[in-house]
Amino acid sequence: MLVQQISPALSKEIRISEKRKDAIFSAAIHQKTKASSQKRSYNLRSIILVNWQNQ
């Protein structure tokens, strides 16, 4: 890997920033899945409501 050739302090910084990037990325994914699951439950609720009104 290329990081080991750079000075240890810098490689440590790079690793930390990579971790932070991963954390931000996973948080973003979590938000997205949370939003989509909320939307799904909302859609389900409206479908149930429509079916109930049609009876």
PDB file of N, CA and C in Angstrom:
ATOM      1  N   MET A   1       0.832  -1.207   0.000  1.00  0.00           N
ATOM      2  CA  MET A   1       0.000   0.000   0.000  1.00  0.00           C
ATOM      3  C   MET A   1       0.868   1.258   0.000  1.00  0.00           C
ATOM      4  N   LEU A   2       0.385   2.294  -0.553  1.00  0.00           N
ATOM      5  CA  LEU A   2       1.119   3.544  -0.754  1.00  0.00           C
ATOM      6  C   LEU A   2       1.321   4.315   0.552  1.00  0.00           C
ATOM      7  N   VAL A   3       0.402   4.156   1.486  1.00  0.00           N
ATOM      8  CA  VAL A   3       0.407   4.938   2.735  1.00  0.00           C
ATOM      9  C   VAL A   3       1.658   4.679   3.564  1.00  0.00           C
ATOM     10  N   GLN A   4       2.128   3.432   3.599  1.00  0.00           N
ATOM     11  CA  GLN A   4       3.282   3.078   4.428  1.00  0.00           C
ATOM     12  C   GLN A   4       4.554   3.793   3.989  1.00  0.00           C
ATOM     13  N   GLN A   5       4.657   4.197   2.743  1.00  0.00           N
ATOM     14  CA  GLN A   5       5.849   4.868   2.240  1.00  0.00           C
ATOM     15  C   GLN A   5       5.920   6.323   2.711  1.00  0.00           C
ATOM     16  N   ILE A   6       4.791   6.906   3.027  1.00  0.00           N
ATOM     17  CA  ILE A   6       4.744   8.278   3.542  1.00  0.00           C
ATOM     18  C   ILE A   6       5.124   8.225   5.024  1.00  0.00           C
ATOM     19  N   SER A   7       5.415   9.376   5.631  1.00  0.00           N
ATOM     20  CA  SER A   7       5.795   9.406   7.041  1.00  0.00           C
ATOM     21  C   SER A   7       4.674   8.842   7.919  1.00  0.00           C
ATOM     22  N   PRO A   8       5.021   8.187   9.028  1.00  0.00           N
ATOM     23  CA  PRO A   8       4.023   7.544   9.907  1.00  0.00           C
ATOM     24  C   PRO A   8       2.917   8.490  10.389  1.00  0.00           C
ATOM     25  N   ALA A   9       3.293   9.711  10.729  1.00  0.00           N
ATOM     26  CA  ALA A   9       2.302  10.678  11.227  1.00  0.00           C
ATOM     27  C   ALA A   9       1.255  10.969  10.147  1.00  0.00           C
ATOM     28  N   LEU A  10       1.723  11.162   8.943  1.00  0.00           N
ATOM     29  CA  LEU A  10       0.836  11.464   7.829  1.00  0.00           C
ATOM     30  C   LEU A  10      -0.060  10.273   7.508  1.00  0.00           C
ATOM     31  N   SER A  11       0.523   9.073   7.541  1.00  0.00           N
ATOM     32  CA  SER A  11      -0.270   7.876   7.257  1.00  0.00           C
ATOM     33  C   SER A  11      -1.351   7.692   8.317  1.00  0.00           C
ATOM     34  N   LYS A  12      -1.024   8.060   9.560  1.00  0.00           N
ATOM     35  CA  LYS A  12      -2.009   7.994  10.639  1.00  0.00           C
ATOM     36  C   LYS A  12      -3.151   8.975  10.360  1.00  0.00           C
ATOM     37  N   GLU A  13      -2.812  10.187   9.955  1.00  0.00           N
ATOM     38  CA  GLU A  13      -3.806  11.197   9.590  1.00  0.00           C
ATOM     39  C   GLU A  13      -4.716  10.681   8.486  1.00  0.00           C
ATOM     40  N   ILE A  14      -4.104  10.091   7.483  1.00  0.00           N
ATOM     41  CA  ILE A  14      -4.869   9.563   6.352  1.00  0.00           C
ATOM     42  C   ILE A  14      -5.838   8.489   6.830  1.00  0.00           C
ATOM     43  N   ARG A  15      -5.344   7.601   7.691  1.00  0.00           N
ATOM     44  CA  ARG A  15      -6.204   6.528   8.216  1.00  0.00           C
ATOM     45  C   ARG A  15      -7.375   7.107   8.992  1.00  0.00           C
ATOM     46  N   ILE A  16      -7.095   8.120   9.804  1.00  0.00           N
ATOM     47  CA  ILE A  16      -8.159   8.760  10.593  1.00  0.00           C
ATOM     48  C   ILE A  16      -9.197   9.391   9.671  1.00  0.00           C
ATOM     49  N   SER A  17      -8.724  10.100   8.648  1.00  0.00           N
ATOM     50  CA  SER A  17      -9.661  10.751   7.732  1.00  0.00           C
ATOM     51  C   SER A  17     -10.474   9.712   6.956  1.00  0.00           C
ATOM     52  N   GLU A  18      -9.838   8.579   6.635  1.00  0.00           N
ATOM     53  CA  GLU A  18     -10.570   7.491   5.965  1.00  0.00           C
ATOM     54  C   GLU A  18     -11.689   6.987   6.871  1.00  0.00           C
ATOM     55  N   LYS A  19     -11.356   6.778   8.127  1.00  0.00           N
ATOM     56  CA  LYS A  19     -12.349   6.313   9.104  1.00  0.00           C
ATOM     57  C   LYS A  19     -13.496   7.301   9.209  1.00  0.00           C
ATOM     58  N   ARG A  20     -13.147   8.585   9.273  1.00  0.00           N
ATOM     59  CA  ARG A  20     -14.162   9.631   9.391  1.00  0.00           C
ATOM     60  C   ARG A  20     -15.059   9.622   8.158  1.00  0.00           C
ATOM     61  N   LYS A  21     -14.427   9.455   6.992  1.00  0.00           N
ATOM     62  CA  LYS A  21     -15.177   9.394   5.738  1.00  0.00           C
ATOM     63  C   LYS A  21     -16.145   8.213   5.772  1.00  0.00           C
ATOM     64  N   ASP A  22     -15.653   7.071   6.235  1.00  0.00           N
ATOM     65  CA  ASP A  22     -16.503   5.880   6.348  1.00  0.00           C
ATOM     66  C   ASP A  22     -17.670   6.137   7.288  1.00  0.00           C
ATOM     67  N   ALA A  23     -17.383   6.797   8.397  1.00  0.00           N
ATOM     68  CA  ALA A  23     -18.428   7.090   9.380  1.00  0.00           C
ATOM     69  C   ALA A  23     -19.500   7.994   8.776  1.00  0.00           C
ATOM     70  N   ILE A  24     -19.049   9.028   8.075  1.00  0.00           N
ATOM     71  CA  ILE A  24     -19.990   9.948   7.435  1.00  0.00           C
ATOM     72  C   ILE A  24     -20.813   9.213   6.389  1.00  0.00           C
ATOM     73  N   PHE A  25     -20.123   8.367   5.622  1.00  0.00           N
ATOM     74  CA  PHE A  25     -20.771   7.614   4.565  1.00  0.00           C
ATOM     75  C   PHE A  25     -21.830   6.674   5.135  1.00  0.00           C
ATOM     76  N   SER A  26     -21.469   5.947   6.188  1.00  0.00           N
ATOM     77  CA  SER A  26     -22.422   5.003   6.793  1.00  0.00           C
ATOM     78  C   SER A  26     -23.588   5.744   7.435  1.00  0.00           C
ATOM     79  N   ALA A  27     -23.311   6.915   7.994  1.00  0.00           N
ATOM     80  CA  ALA A  27     -24.377   7.731   8.572  1.00  0.00           C
ATOM     81  C   ALA A  27     -25.347   8.185   7.485  1.00  0.00           C
ATOM     82  N   ALA A  28     -24.790   8.562   6.351  1.00  0.00           N
ATOM     83  CA  ALA A  28     -25.617   8.992   5.223  1.00  0.00           C
ATOM     84  C   ALA A  28     -26.495   7.839   4.735  1.00  0.00           C
ATOM     85  N   ILE A  29     -25.898   6.651   4.645  1.00  0.00           N
ATOM     86  CA  ILE A  29     -26.652   5.465   4.220  1.00  0.00           C
ATOM     87  C   ILE A  29     -27.760   5.184   5.220  1.00  0.00           C
ATOM     88  N   HIS A  30     -27.423   5.298   6.504  1.00  0.00           N
ATOM     89  CA  HIS A  30     -28.404   5.049   7.558  1.00  0.00           C
ATOM     90  C   HIS A  30     -29.583   6.011   7.430  1.00  0.00           C
ATOM     91  N   GLN A  31     -29.272   7.292   7.215  1.00  0.00           N
ATOM     92  CA  GLN A  31     -30.329   8.297   7.038  1.00  0.00           C
ATOM     93  C   GLN A  31     -31.218   7.945   5.854  1.00  0.00           C
ATOM     94  N   LYS A  32     -30.562   7.520   4.763  1.00  0.00           N
ATOM     95  CA  LYS A  32     -31.294   7.205   3.545  1.00  0.00           C
ATOM     96  C   LYS A  32     -32.224   6.017   3.776  1.00  0.00           C
ATOM     97  N   THR A  33     -31.708   4.964   4.409  1.00  0.00           N
ATOM     98  CA  THR A  33     -32.532   3.775   4.646  1.00  0.00           C
ATOM     99  C   THR A  33     -33.643   4.095   5.632  1.00  0.00           C
ATOM    100  N   LYS A  34     -33.340   4.929   6.628  1.00  0.00           N
ATOM    101  CA  LYS A  34     -34.355   5.329   7.597  1.00  0.00           C
ATOM    102  C   LYS A  34     -35.481   6.075   6.886  1.00  0.00           C
ATOM    103  N   ALA A  35     -35.102   7.007   6.023  1.00  0.00           N
ATOM    104  CA  ALA A  35     -36.089   7.791   5.283  1.00  0.00           C
ATOM    105  C   ALA A  35     -36.942   6.889   4.390  1.00  0.00           C
ATOM    106  N   SER A  36     -36.294   5.955   3.703  1.00  0.00           N
ATOM    107  CA  SER A  36     -37.040   5.090   2.789  1.00  0.00           C
ATOM    108  C   SER A  36     -37.962   4.144   3.557  1.00  0.00           C
ATOM    109  N   SER A  37     -37.527   3.681   4.727  1.00  0.00           N
ATOM    110  CA  SER A  37     -38.395   2.795   5.509  1.00  0.00           C
ATOM    111  C   SER A  37     -39.594   3.563   6.058  1.00  0.00           C
ATOM    112  N   GLN A  38     -39.381   4.827   6.432  1.00  0.00           N
ATOM    113  CA  GLN A  38     -40.498   5.662   6.880  1.00  0.00           C
ATOM    114  C   GLN A  38     -41.491   5.890   5.744  1.00  0.00           C
ATOM    115  N   LYS A  39     -40.936   6.124   4.552  1.00  0.00           N
ATOM    116  CA  LYS A  39     -41.786   6.339   3.390  1.00  0.00           C
ATOM    117  C   LYS A  39     -42.586   5.073   3.100  1.00  0.00           C
ATOM    118  N   ARG A  40     -41.925   3.926   3.215  1.00  0.00           N
ATOM    119  CA  ARG A  40     -42.580   2.648   2.956  1.00  0.00           C
ATOM    120  C   ARG A  40     -43.731   2.438   3.932  1.00  0.00           C
ATOM    121  N   SER A  41     -43.498   2.696   5.209  1.00  0.00           N
ATOM    122  CA  SER A  41     -44.571   2.504   6.199  1.00  0.00           C
ATOM    123  C   SER A  41     -45.708   3.492   5.950  1.00  0.00           C
ATOM    124  N   TYR A  42     -45.361   4.689   5.489  1.00  0.00           N
ATOM    125  CA  TYR A  42     -46.389   5.673   5.153  1.00  0.00           C
ATOM    126  C   TYR A  42     -47.232   5.188   3.979  1.00  0.00           C
ATOM    127  N   ASN A  43     -46.551   4.649   2.956  1.00  0.00           N
ATOM    128  CA  ASN A  43     -47.266   4.117   1.789  1.00  0.00           C
ATOM    129  C   ASN A  43     -48.186   2.977   2.200  1.00  0.00           C
ATOM    130  N   LEU A  44     -47.687   2.117   3.058  1.00  0.00           N
ATOM    131  CA  LEU A  44     -48.472   0.992   3.548  1.00  0.00           C
ATOM    132  C   LEU A  44     -49.717   1.488   4.277  1.00  0.00           C
ATOM    133  N   ARG A  45     -49.526   2.500   5.094  1.00  0.00           N
ATOM    134  CA  ARG A  45     -50.632   3.075   5.857  1.00  0.00           C
ATOM    135  C   ARG A  45     -51.691   3.646   4.916  1.00  0.00           C
ATOM    136  N   SER A  46     -51.252   4.362   3.887  1.00  0.00           N
ATOM    137  CA  SER A  46     -52.214   4.961   2.952  1.00  0.00           C
ATOM    138  C   SER A  46     -52.943   3.887   2.148  1.00  0.00           C
ATOM    139  N   ILE A  47     -52.233   2.801   1.817  1.00  0.00           N
ATOM    140  CA  ILE A  47     -52.876   1.690   1.098  1.00  0.00           C
ATOM    141  C   ILE A  47     -53.964   1.062   1.973  1.00  0.00           C
ATOM    142  N   ILE A  48     -53.638   0.840   3.233  1.00  0.00           N
ATOM    143  CA  ILE A  48     -54.601   0.262   4.170  1.00  0.00           C
ATOM    144  C   ILE A  48     -55.821   1.179   4.292  1.00  0.00           C
ATOM    145  N   LEU A  49     -55.552   2.481   4.386  1.00  0.00           N
ATOM    146  CA  LEU A  49     -56.626   3.468   4.507  1.00  0.00           C
ATOM    147  C   LEU A  49     -57.538   3.427   3.288  1.00  0.00           C
ATOM    148  N   VAL A  50     -56.945   3.375   2.102  1.00  0.00           N
ATOM    149  CA  VAL A  50     -57.715   3.334   0.858  1.00  0.00           C
ATOM    150  C   VAL A  50     -58.567   2.067   0.811  1.00  0.00           C
ATOM    151  N   ASN A  51     -57.959   0.928   1.165  1.00  0.00           N
ATOM    152  CA  ASN A  51     -58.699  -0.337   1.167  1.00  0.00           C
ATOM    153  C   ASN A  51     -59.858  -0.294   2.149  1.00  0.00           C
ATOM    154  N   TRP A  52     -59.618   0.310   3.309  1.00  0.00           N
ATOM    155  CA  TRP A  52     -60.649   0.401   4.336  1.00  0.00           C
ATOM    156  C   TRP A  52     -61.806   1.281   3.854  1.00  0.00           C
ATOM    157  N   GLN A  53     -61.489   2.371   3.146  1.00  0.00           N
ATOM    158  CA  GLN A  53     -62.529   3.277   2.643  1.00  0.00           C
ATOM    159  C   GLN A  53     -63.327   2.649   1.497  1.00  0.00           C
ATOM    160  N   ASN A  54     -62.694   1.764   0.740  1.00  0.00           N
ATOM    161  CA  ASN A  54     -63.369   1.140  -0.395  1.00  0.00           C
ATOM    162  C   ASN A  54     -64.374   0.065   0.015  1.00  0.00           C
ATOM    163  N   GLN A  55     -64.252  -0.435   1.225  1.00  0.00           N
ATOM    164  CA  GLN A  55     -65.165  -1.508   1.651  1.00  0.00           C
ATOM    165  C   GLN A  55     -66.543  -0.978   2.005  1.00  0.00           C
TER     166      GLN A  55
END
